[in-house]
Amino acid sequence: MDAFHFFLLCIASFRLTHLIVYDRITSFLRAPFHDEVEQDGETYIVIKGTGIRKWIGELLSCHWCTGVWCAAALYVGVMFATYIVMPFVWILAIAGGAALIEVVVQQWSR
């Protein structure tokens, strides 16, 4: 794997991880595994259940943990189903790059 494709997978993995762990649009995926509780103006995550349900809840509440699985899934997908997975990698990488640019622009405009 060359440096460009490595960078592309890094940005795609970043975006997929953020999509799963933080974005409102995927809250339905997290809902069976944890609740978000607001207290004193802060939001806390309460993990539901025991066993595998709790394990998945812990996974979905940790961007570092979810990031490892997202990176592994994207890498395996690219290695074994390149023509199917690469369009998604490109889309995620472009969206991830746009998100990083937005953070920079917001910092500069303060």
C-alpha atoms as a PDB file:
ATOM      1  CA  MET A   1       0.000   0.000   0.000  1.00  0.00           C
ATOM      2  CA  ASP A   2       1.433   3.345  -1.001  1.00  0.00           C
ATOM      3  CA  ALA A   3       1.392   6.466   1.180  1.00  0.00           C
ATOM      4  CA  PHE A   4      -1.543   8.035  -0.673  1.00  0.00           C
ATOM      5  CA  HIS A   5      -3.831   5.042  -0.132  1.00  0.00           C
ATOM      6  CA  PHE A   6      -2.709   4.805   3.492  1.00  0.00           C
ATOM      7  CA  PHE A   7      -3.645   8.470   4.010  1.00  0.00           C
ATOM      8  CA  LEU A   8      -6.948   7.909   2.201  1.00  0.00           C
ATOM      9  CA  LEU A   9      -7.804   4.998   4.509  1.00  0.00           C
ATOM     10  CA  CYS A  10      -6.807   7.049   7.573  1.00  0.00           C
ATOM     11  CA  ILE A  11      -9.175   9.884   6.668  1.00  0.00           C
ATOM     12  CA  ALA A  12     -11.953   7.440   5.695  1.00  0.00           C
ATOM     13  CA  SER A  13     -11.524   5.576   8.981  1.00  0.00           C
ATOM     14  CA  PHE A  14     -11.652   8.862  10.901  1.00  0.00           C
ATOM     15  CA  ARG A  15     -14.904   9.829   9.198  1.00  0.00           C
ATOM     16  CA  LEU A  16     -16.546   6.402   9.569  1.00  0.00           C
ATOM     17  CA  THR A  17     -15.611   6.307  13.254  1.00  0.00           C
ATOM     18  CA  HIS A  18     -17.032   9.779  13.842  1.00  0.00           C
ATOM     19  CA  LEU A  19     -20.179   8.852  11.926  1.00  0.00           C
ATOM     20  CA  ILE A  20     -20.780   5.793  14.100  1.00  0.00           C
ATOM     21  CA  VAL A  21     -19.785   7.211  17.502  1.00  0.00           C
ATOM     22  CA  TYR A  22     -20.947  10.839  17.394  1.00  0.00           C
ATOM     23  CA  ASP A  23     -23.252  11.779  14.533  1.00  0.00           C
ATOM     24  CA  ARG A  24     -26.959  12.176  15.198  1.00  0.00           C
ATOM     25  CA  ILE A  25     -27.871  10.416  11.952  1.00  0.00           C
ATOM     26  CA  THR A  26     -26.567   7.100  13.353  1.00  0.00           C
ATOM     27  CA  SER A  27     -28.015   7.482  16.851  1.00  0.00           C
ATOM     28  CA  PHE A  28     -30.471   4.682  16.031  1.00  0.00           C
ATOM     29  CA  LEU A  29     -27.471   2.309  15.888  1.00  0.00           C
ATOM     30  CA  ARG A  30     -26.316   3.376  19.352  1.00  0.00           C
ATOM     31  CA  ALA A  31     -29.784   3.566  20.967  1.00  0.00           C
ATOM     32  CA  PRO A  32     -30.129  -0.163  21.804  1.00  0.00           C
ATOM     33  CA  PHE A  33     -26.779  -0.077  23.590  1.00  0.00           C
ATOM     34  CA  HIS A  34     -26.662   3.190  25.516  1.00  0.00           C
ATOM     35  CA  ASP A  35     -28.662   6.199  26.656  1.00  0.00           C
ATOM     36  CA  GLU A  36     -27.536   9.803  26.528  1.00  0.00           C
ATOM     37  CA  VAL A  37     -28.393  11.598  29.769  1.00  0.00           C
ATOM     38  CA  GLU A  38     -28.120  15.377  30.148  1.00  0.00           C
ATOM     39  CA  GLN A  39     -27.188  16.645  33.581  1.00  0.00           C
ATOM     40  CA  ASP A  40     -25.949  20.099  34.557  1.00  0.00           C
ATOM     41  CA  GLY A  41     -25.578  21.099  30.901  1.00  0.00           C
ATOM     42  CA  GLU A  42     -23.379  18.101  30.065  1.00  0.00           C
ATOM     43  CA  THR A  43     -24.277  14.912  28.223  1.00  0.00           C
ATOM     44  CA  TYR A  44     -23.311  11.572  29.726  1.00  0.00           C
ATOM     45  CA  ILE A  45     -23.535   8.117  28.195  1.00  0.00           C
ATOM     46  CA  VAL A  46     -25.087   5.325  30.248  1.00  0.00           C
ATOM     47  CA  ILE A  47     -24.301   1.848  28.929  1.00  0.00           C
ATOM     48  CA  LYS A  48     -27.286  -0.538  28.816  1.00  0.00           C
ATOM     49  CA  GLY A  49     -27.459  -4.226  29.608  1.00  0.00           C
ATOM     50  CA  THR A  50     -24.898  -6.897  30.339  1.00  0.00           C
ATOM     51  CA  GLY A  51     -22.765  -9.294  28.342  1.00  0.00           C
ATOM     52  CA  ILE A  52     -22.508  -8.678  24.603  1.00  0.00           C
ATOM     53  CA  ARG A  53     -24.969  -5.771  24.751  1.00  0.00           C
ATOM     54  CA  LYS A  54     -22.791  -3.994  27.316  1.00  0.00           C
ATOM     55  CA  TRP A  55     -19.639  -4.801  25.318  1.00  0.00           C
ATOM     56  CA  ILE A  56     -21.131  -3.270  22.165  1.00  0.00           C
ATOM     57  CA  GLY A  57     -22.313  -0.272  24.207  1.00  0.00           C
ATOM     58  CA  GLU A  58     -18.795   0.238  25.550  1.00  0.00           C
ATOM     59  CA  LEU A  59     -17.388  -0.100  22.033  1.00  0.00           C
ATOM     60  CA  LEU A  60     -19.825   2.448  20.582  1.00  0.00           C
ATOM     61  CA  SER A  61     -19.049   4.948  23.334  1.00  0.00           C
ATOM     62  CA  CYS A  62     -15.285   4.876  22.690  1.00  0.00           C
ATOM     63  CA  HIS A  63     -13.997   6.476  19.486  1.00  0.00           C
ATOM     64  CA  TRP A  64     -10.574   4.862  19.945  1.00  0.00           C
ATOM     65  CA  CYS A  65     -12.122   1.381  20.194  1.00  0.00           C
ATOM     66  CA  THR A  66     -14.571   1.880  17.344  1.00  0.00           C
ATOM     67  CA  GLY A  67     -11.783   3.401  15.252  1.00  0.00           C
ATOM     68  CA  VAL A  68      -9.755   0.196  15.401  1.00  0.00           C
ATOM     69  CA  TRP A  69     -12.709  -1.844  14.142  1.00  0.00           C
ATOM     70  CA  CYS A  70     -13.555   0.712  11.438  1.00  0.00           C
ATOM     71  CA  ALA A  71      -9.955   0.754  10.227  1.00  0.00           C
ATOM     72  CA  ALA A  72      -9.858  -3.051  10.179  1.00  0.00           C
ATOM     73  CA  ALA A  73     -13.156  -3.296   8.287  1.00  0.00           C
ATOM     74  CA  LEU A  74     -12.083  -0.744   5.683  1.00  0.00           C
ATOM     75  CA  TYR A  75      -8.679  -2.363   5.232  1.00  0.00           C
ATOM     76  CA  VAL A  76     -10.096  -5.872   4.844  1.00  0.00           C
ATOM     77  CA  GLY A  77     -12.759  -4.512   2.501  1.00  0.00           C
ATOM     78  CA  VAL A  78     -10.177  -2.802   0.323  1.00  0.00           C
ATOM     79  CA  MET A  79      -7.972  -5.900   0.256  1.00  0.00           C
ATOM     80  CA  PHE A  80     -10.726  -8.375  -0.630  1.00  0.00           C
ATOM     81  CA  ALA A  81     -13.477  -6.324  -2.315  1.00  0.00           C
ATOM     82  CA  THR A  82     -11.626  -3.344  -3.758  1.00  0.00           C
ATOM     83  CA  TYR A  83     -14.135  -2.414  -6.457  1.00  0.00           C
ATOM     84  CA  ILE A  84     -17.035  -2.481  -4.011  1.00  0.00           C
ATOM     85  CA  VAL A  85     -15.386  -0.803  -1.013  1.00  0.00           C
ATOM     86  CA  MET A  86     -13.174   1.863  -2.643  1.00  0.00           C
ATOM     87  CA  PRO A  87     -16.076   4.148  -3.671  1.00  0.00           C
ATOM     88  CA  PHE A  88     -17.153   4.223  -0.008  1.00  0.00           C
ATOM     89  CA  VAL A  89     -13.560   4.879   1.076  1.00  0.00           C
ATOM     90  CA  TRP A  90     -13.368   7.819  -1.339  1.00  0.00           C
ATOM     91  CA  ILE A  91     -16.690   9.248  -0.130  1.00  0.00           C
ATOM     92  CA  LEU A  92     -15.719   8.877   3.531  1.00  0.00           C
ATOM     93  CA  ALA A  93     -12.263  10.363   2.894  1.00  0.00           C
ATOM     94  CA  ILE A  94     -13.695  13.354   1.040  1.00  0.00           C
ATOM     95  CA  ALA A  95     -16.239  13.928   3.828  1.00  0.00           C
ATOM     96  CA  GLY A  96     -13.491  13.511   6.449  1.00  0.00           C
ATOM     97  CA  GLY A  97     -11.270  16.008   4.664  1.00  0.00           C
ATOM     98  CA  ALA A  98     -14.166  18.461   4.464  1.00  0.00           C
ATOM     99  CA  ALA A  99     -14.805  18.031   8.200  1.00  0.00           C
ATOM    100  CA  LEU A 100     -11.159  18.762   8.994  1.00  0.00           C
ATOM    101  CA  ILE A 101     -11.213  21.848   6.755  1.00  0.00           C
ATOM    102  CA  GLU A 102     -14.368  23.041   8.540  1.00  0.00           C
ATOM    103  CA  VAL A 103     -12.624  22.736  11.924  1.00  0.00           C
ATOM    104  CA  VAL A 104      -9.697  24.818  10.638  1.00  0.00           C
ATOM    105  CA  VAL A 105     -12.026  27.463   9.168  1.00  0.00           C
ATOM    106  CA  GLN A 106     -13.975  27.688  12.438  1.00  0.00           C
ATOM    107  CA  GLN A 107     -10.736  28.148  14.395  1.00  0.00           C
ATOM    108  CA  TRP A 108      -9.534  30.890  12.047  1.00  0.00           C
ATOM    109  CA  SER A 109     -12.823  32.776  12.209  1.00  0.00           C
ATOM    110  CA  ARG A 110     -12.748  33.150  15.996  1.00  0.00           C
END
